[in-house]
Structure formats: C-alpha cells, structure tokens
Amino acid sequence: MSHLNSPSLWSLPVPNADGHKYARGCAVVFGGEKMTGAARLASSATMRIGAGLCFVVSSERSADIYRATLPAHV
C-alpha cells in the first residue's frame, strides 16, 4: 500500500480533554551518557505532539542530568 504525501497525512489527532494518558501512547527515548541534548529535545517533542508518557532510558551516570533538565512529566 502506498500513499501520496499530502497535508491530510500530516495531521495529528486532537486528544480528548477527558482522555487518559495511556490512551495517548507512550514514547521511549534512549539517551547518551555524554551528549544529552538530542535525547532531551526528543523527549520534550514527544510530549508536545501528544504522547501520554515519555521515558528516557540512560546510564546511571547521566541520569542526574536528565532529571535536572527535563520536566517531571517526562
């Protein structure tokens, strides 16, 4: 099955106000130990586009960086 690229394929569903976070999907972002910027941007982006949950998986050494710089809902 193929689709032509068109604006109708770009639209994201608008979440219901009474919807549950588990109904909106879950994202997992794997973060690096020394270069944390891309993982932090990606996790913030998943929440902005409507994911219900986002988990950042990283090494124990870099976990404090992610905890300090990401919002609590990530």
Protein backbone atom coordinates (compact mmCIF):
# COMPACT_ATOMS: atom_id res chain seq x y z
CA MET A 1 0.00 0.00 0.00
CA SER A 2 1.37 3.42 -0.86
CA HIS A 3 0.25 6.93 -0.04
CA LEU A 4 0.98 10.17 -1.78
CA ASN A 5 2.49 12.75 0.54
CA SER A 6 -0.27 15.25 1.30
CA PRO A 7 -1.27 17.56 4.18
CA SER A 8 -4.05 15.16 5.20
CA LEU A 9 -1.36 12.68 6.28
CA TRP A 10 0.41 15.28 8.43
CA SER A 11 -2.43 15.95 10.85
CA LEU A 12 -2.24 14.58 14.37
CA PRO A 13 -5.37 13.61 16.28
CA VAL A 14 -6.56 16.14 18.85
CA PRO A 15 -6.70 14.43 22.27
CA ASN A 16 -9.92 14.48 24.25
CA ALA A 17 -9.91 16.58 27.41
CA ASP A 18 -11.19 13.61 29.39
CA GLY A 19 -8.78 11.13 27.79
CA HIS A 20 -6.30 9.10 29.80
CA LYS A 21 -2.54 9.34 29.28
CA TYR A 22 -2.30 5.63 28.50
CA ALA A 23 -4.74 6.07 25.62
CA ARG A 24 -2.44 8.67 24.03
CA GLY A 25 0.57 6.42 23.55
CA CYS A 26 3.97 6.01 25.12
CA ALA A 27 7.42 7.00 23.84
CA VAL A 28 10.82 5.68 24.85
CA VAL A 29 13.92 7.78 24.17
CA PHE A 30 17.39 6.32 24.63
CA GLY A 31 19.79 8.97 25.90
CA GLY A 32 23.53 9.16 25.63
CA GLU A 33 25.91 9.41 28.53
CA LYS A 34 27.91 12.46 27.48
CA MET A 35 25.82 14.12 24.78
CA THR A 36 22.35 14.54 26.26
CA GLY A 37 20.93 17.31 24.10
CA ALA A 38 19.28 15.22 21.39
CA ALA A 39 17.53 12.95 23.89
CA ARG A 40 16.28 15.93 25.88
CA LEU A 41 14.92 17.60 22.73
CA ALA A 42 13.31 14.37 21.53
CA SER A 43 11.61 13.67 24.86
CA SER A 44 10.25 17.21 25.06
CA ALA A 45 8.99 16.93 21.49
CA THR A 46 7.11 13.71 22.20
CA MET A 47 5.20 15.43 24.97
CA ARG A 48 4.44 18.48 22.80
CA ILE A 49 2.98 16.37 19.99
CA GLY A 50 0.69 14.50 22.36
CA ALA A 51 2.31 11.38 23.78
CA GLY A 52 0.77 10.35 27.08
CA LEU A 53 4.07 9.21 28.60
CA CYS A 54 7.71 9.51 27.71
CA PHE A 55 10.51 7.51 29.29
CA VAL A 56 14.17 8.46 28.92
CA VAL A 57 16.47 5.46 29.25
CA SER A 58 20.05 6.35 30.10
CA SER A 59 23.06 5.20 32.07
CA GLU A 60 23.15 5.85 35.80
CA ARG A 61 25.98 8.37 35.31
CA SER A 62 23.90 10.69 33.16
CA ALA A 63 20.55 10.17 34.90
CA ASP A 64 21.03 13.23 37.12
CA ILE A 65 21.43 15.45 34.06
CA TYR A 66 18.14 14.24 32.63
CA ARG A 67 16.36 14.55 35.97
CA ALA A 68 17.56 18.13 36.43
CA THR A 69 16.74 19.38 32.94
CA LEU A 70 13.56 17.57 31.92
CA PRO A 71 10.08 18.35 33.24
CA ALA A 72 8.61 15.98 35.79
CA HIS A 73 6.11 14.51 33.32
CA VAL A 74 8.93 13.05 31.18
